[in-house]
N, C-alpha and C. Protein backbone atom coordinates (compact mmCIF):
# COMPACT_ATOMS: atom_id res chain seq x y z
N MET A 1 -6.44 -17.26 22.32
CA MET A 1 -7.71 -17.77 22.75
C MET A 1 -8.80 -16.70 22.28
N ILE A 2 -9.93 -17.17 21.75
CA ILE A 2 -10.97 -16.31 21.35
C ILE A 2 -11.99 -16.11 22.42
N ASN A 3 -12.39 -14.89 22.62
CA ASN A 3 -13.46 -14.63 23.65
C ASN A 3 -14.61 -13.90 22.93
N PHE A 4 -15.86 -14.36 23.18
CA PHE A 4 -17.04 -13.83 22.45
C PHE A 4 -17.78 -12.82 23.36
N SER A 5 -17.19 -12.41 24.48
CA SER A 5 -17.90 -11.47 25.34
C SER A 5 -18.37 -10.22 24.61
N PRO A 6 -17.51 -9.66 23.66
CA PRO A 6 -17.92 -8.45 22.94
C PRO A 6 -19.26 -8.78 22.19
N LEU A 7 -19.40 -10.02 21.62
CA LEU A 7 -20.64 -10.29 20.87
C LEU A 7 -21.83 -10.38 21.81
N LEU A 8 -21.68 -10.89 23.02
CA LEU A 8 -22.82 -10.88 23.92
C LEU A 8 -23.29 -9.52 24.32
N LYS A 9 -22.22 -8.62 24.49
CA LYS A 9 -22.52 -7.20 24.84
C LYS A 9 -23.26 -6.48 23.71
N THR A 10 -22.77 -6.80 22.46
CA THR A 10 -23.36 -6.21 21.26
C THR A 10 -24.78 -6.68 21.06
N LEU A 11 -25.02 -7.95 21.24
CA LEU A 11 -26.40 -8.53 21.16
C LEU A 11 -27.28 -7.76 22.13
N GLU A 12 -26.78 -7.65 23.41
CA GLU A 12 -27.65 -7.04 24.40
C GLU A 12 -27.93 -5.57 23.97
N GLU A 13 -26.89 -4.85 23.54
CA GLU A 13 -27.12 -3.50 23.19
C GLU A 13 -28.13 -3.36 22.07
N GLN A 14 -28.13 -4.29 21.13
CA GLN A 14 -29.01 -4.20 19.99
C GLN A 14 -30.37 -4.96 20.25
N GLU A 15 -30.51 -5.42 21.45
CA GLU A 15 -31.71 -6.08 21.92
C GLU A 15 -31.99 -7.26 20.93
N MET A 16 -30.93 -8.05 20.64
CA MET A 16 -31.07 -9.21 19.76
C MET A 16 -30.75 -10.41 20.58
N THR A 17 -31.36 -11.62 20.32
CA THR A 17 -31.10 -12.81 21.00
C THR A 17 -30.52 -13.85 20.03
N PHE A 18 -29.95 -14.90 20.67
CA PHE A 18 -29.38 -16.05 19.81
C PHE A 18 -30.56 -16.67 19.07
N LYS A 19 -31.80 -16.71 19.68
CA LYS A 19 -32.97 -17.22 18.95
C LYS A 19 -33.18 -16.48 17.68
N GLU A 20 -33.11 -15.14 17.72
CA GLU A 20 -33.33 -14.37 16.53
C GLU A 20 -32.20 -14.65 15.50
N LEU A 21 -31.04 -14.85 15.93
CA LEU A 21 -29.89 -15.14 14.90
C LEU A 21 -30.19 -16.48 14.25
N ILE A 22 -30.83 -17.46 15.02
CA ILE A 22 -31.17 -18.67 14.34
C ILE A 22 -32.30 -18.52 13.40
N GLU A 23 -33.39 -17.97 13.92
CA GLU A 23 -34.69 -17.86 13.17
C GLU A 23 -34.68 -16.86 12.03
N SER A 24 -34.01 -15.72 12.25
CA SER A 24 -34.00 -14.67 11.16
C SER A 24 -32.82 -14.60 10.29
N HIS A 25 -31.75 -15.29 10.76
CA HIS A 25 -30.53 -15.11 9.95
C HIS A 25 -29.84 -16.40 9.64
N GLY A 26 -30.50 -17.47 9.95
CA GLY A 26 -30.09 -18.85 9.49
C GLY A 26 -28.86 -19.44 10.21
N PHE A 27 -28.48 -19.00 11.39
CA PHE A 27 -27.37 -19.65 12.05
C PHE A 27 -27.85 -20.87 12.71
N SER A 28 -26.99 -21.80 12.75
CA SER A 28 -27.44 -23.15 13.38
C SER A 28 -27.34 -23.01 14.87
N SER A 29 -28.05 -23.74 15.58
CA SER A 29 -27.97 -23.85 17.04
C SER A 29 -26.53 -24.34 17.42
N ARG A 30 -26.03 -25.26 16.65
CA ARG A 30 -24.69 -25.73 16.91
C ARG A 30 -23.59 -24.60 16.93
N THR A 31 -23.68 -23.80 15.95
CA THR A 31 -22.74 -22.64 15.86
C THR A 31 -22.96 -21.80 17.06
N LEU A 32 -24.09 -21.44 17.40
CA LEU A 32 -24.34 -20.58 18.58
C LEU A 32 -23.89 -21.28 19.94
N ALA A 33 -24.02 -22.51 19.91
CA ALA A 33 -23.58 -23.31 21.13
C ALA A 33 -22.07 -23.26 21.17
N LYS A 34 -21.37 -23.28 20.14
CA LYS A 34 -19.93 -23.16 20.14
C LYS A 34 -19.54 -21.70 20.60
N ILE A 35 -20.29 -20.71 20.15
CA ILE A 35 -19.96 -19.36 20.67
C ILE A 35 -20.12 -19.32 22.17
N ARG A 36 -21.23 -19.84 22.68
CA ARG A 36 -21.50 -19.81 24.14
C ARG A 36 -20.45 -20.57 24.93
N LYS A 37 -19.81 -21.61 24.33
CA LYS A 37 -18.77 -22.42 24.98
C LYS A 37 -17.35 -21.83 24.67
N GLY A 38 -17.31 -20.79 23.87
CA GLY A 38 -15.92 -20.16 23.55
C GLY A 38 -15.15 -21.08 22.58
N GLU A 39 -15.85 -21.88 21.86
CA GLU A 39 -15.16 -22.74 20.90
C GLU A 39 -14.90 -21.98 19.62
N SER A 40 -14.07 -22.54 18.77
CA SER A 40 -13.76 -21.91 17.47
C SER A 40 -14.97 -21.95 16.57
N ILE A 41 -15.13 -20.81 15.81
CA ILE A 41 -16.02 -20.81 14.64
C ILE A 41 -15.24 -20.18 13.50
N THR A 42 -15.79 -20.28 12.24
CA THR A 42 -15.09 -19.80 11.09
C THR A 42 -15.05 -18.35 11.02
N LEU A 43 -14.07 -17.81 10.31
CA LEU A 43 -13.98 -16.41 10.02
C LEU A 43 -15.27 -15.94 9.15
N GLU A 44 -15.76 -16.82 8.34
CA GLU A 44 -16.94 -16.52 7.59
C GLU A 44 -18.11 -16.25 8.48
N THR A 45 -18.26 -17.04 9.56
CA THR A 45 -19.29 -16.85 10.50
C THR A 45 -19.15 -15.52 11.33
N ILE A 46 -17.88 -15.26 11.65
CA ILE A 46 -17.65 -13.92 12.30
C ILE A 46 -17.95 -12.79 11.37
N ASP A 47 -17.60 -12.96 10.12
CA ASP A 47 -17.94 -11.95 9.09
C ASP A 47 -19.48 -11.76 8.99
N ARG A 48 -20.13 -12.78 8.95
CA ARG A 48 -21.64 -12.76 8.82
C ARG A 48 -22.15 -11.96 10.13
N LEU A 49 -21.72 -12.35 11.26
CA LEU A 49 -22.17 -11.70 12.48
C LEU A 49 -21.88 -10.13 12.42
N CYS A 50 -20.68 -9.79 11.90
CA CYS A 50 -20.31 -8.36 11.80
C CYS A 50 -21.28 -7.61 10.84
N SER A 51 -21.57 -8.36 9.74
CA SER A 51 -22.50 -7.79 8.71
C SER A 51 -23.86 -7.63 9.17
N ILE A 52 -24.43 -8.58 9.84
CA ILE A 52 -25.78 -8.56 10.42
C ILE A 52 -25.91 -7.42 11.45
N LEU A 53 -24.92 -7.44 12.42
CA LEU A 53 -25.00 -6.50 13.46
C LEU A 53 -24.53 -5.12 13.12
N LYS A 54 -23.86 -5.07 11.90
CA LYS A 54 -23.29 -3.71 11.40
C LYS A 54 -22.30 -3.10 12.43
N VAL A 55 -21.37 -4.04 12.84
CA VAL A 55 -20.27 -3.64 13.75
C VAL A 55 -18.96 -4.13 13.34
N PRO A 56 -17.81 -3.53 13.77
CA PRO A 56 -16.55 -4.04 13.43
C PRO A 56 -16.22 -5.25 14.18
N ILE A 57 -15.26 -6.06 13.85
CA ILE A 57 -14.92 -7.37 14.39
C ILE A 57 -14.63 -7.19 15.97
N GLU A 58 -14.16 -6.13 16.37
CA GLU A 58 -13.87 -5.88 17.81
C GLU A 58 -15.14 -5.98 18.71
N GLN A 59 -16.27 -5.73 18.08
CA GLN A 59 -17.52 -5.85 18.79
C GLN A 59 -18.17 -7.27 18.74
N VAL A 60 -17.46 -8.13 18.20
CA VAL A 60 -17.92 -9.57 18.04
C VAL A 60 -16.89 -10.49 18.84
N VAL A 61 -15.66 -10.34 18.60
CA VAL A 61 -14.60 -11.14 19.28
C VAL A 61 -13.47 -10.40 19.75
N GLU A 62 -12.75 -10.85 20.72
CA GLU A 62 -11.45 -10.41 21.10
C GLU A 62 -10.48 -11.54 21.27
N ILE A 63 -9.30 -11.26 21.04
CA ILE A 63 -8.20 -12.27 21.14
C ILE A 63 -7.47 -12.10 22.49
N LEU A 64 -7.39 -13.23 23.19
CA LEU A 64 -6.68 -13.12 24.55
C LEU A 64 -5.46 -14.02 24.56
N ASN A 65 -4.44 -13.63 25.30
CA ASN A 65 -3.28 -14.52 25.37
C ASN A 65 -3.53 -15.69 26.21
N ASP A 66 -2.64 -16.53 26.53
CA ASP A 66 -2.76 -17.67 27.31
C ASP A 66 -3.13 -17.44 28.77
N ASN A 67 -2.86 -16.17 29.25
CA ASN A 67 -3.16 -15.71 30.54
C ASN A 67 -4.58 -15.10 30.65
N GLY A 68 -5.25 -15.07 29.48
CA GLY A 68 -6.62 -14.47 29.50
C GLY A 68 -6.59 -12.99 29.37
N GLU A 69 -5.44 -12.38 29.00
CA GLU A 69 -5.33 -10.92 28.85
C GLU A 69 -5.38 -10.58 27.39
N LYS A 70 -5.92 -9.33 27.18
CA LYS A 70 -5.95 -8.87 25.83
C LYS A 70 -4.52 -8.57 25.35
N TYR A 71 -4.31 -8.73 24.04
CA TYR A 71 -2.96 -8.39 23.48
C TYR A 71 -2.90 -6.96 23.35
């Protein structure tokens, strides 16, 4: 299971909003809605987020097992 909590923390630390990702970086509102719901997004999107935020993937997503625990 993919968890986007690290992304939310990173956005907060960088004082960036989802609105800025849409307006300044061309993300669709649908993609960001998927992130908020914890739904799947493409690796390309994750890569774009890492590039824009200048962070490693661990600061955007984490993978959890079926019990909701980190591997």
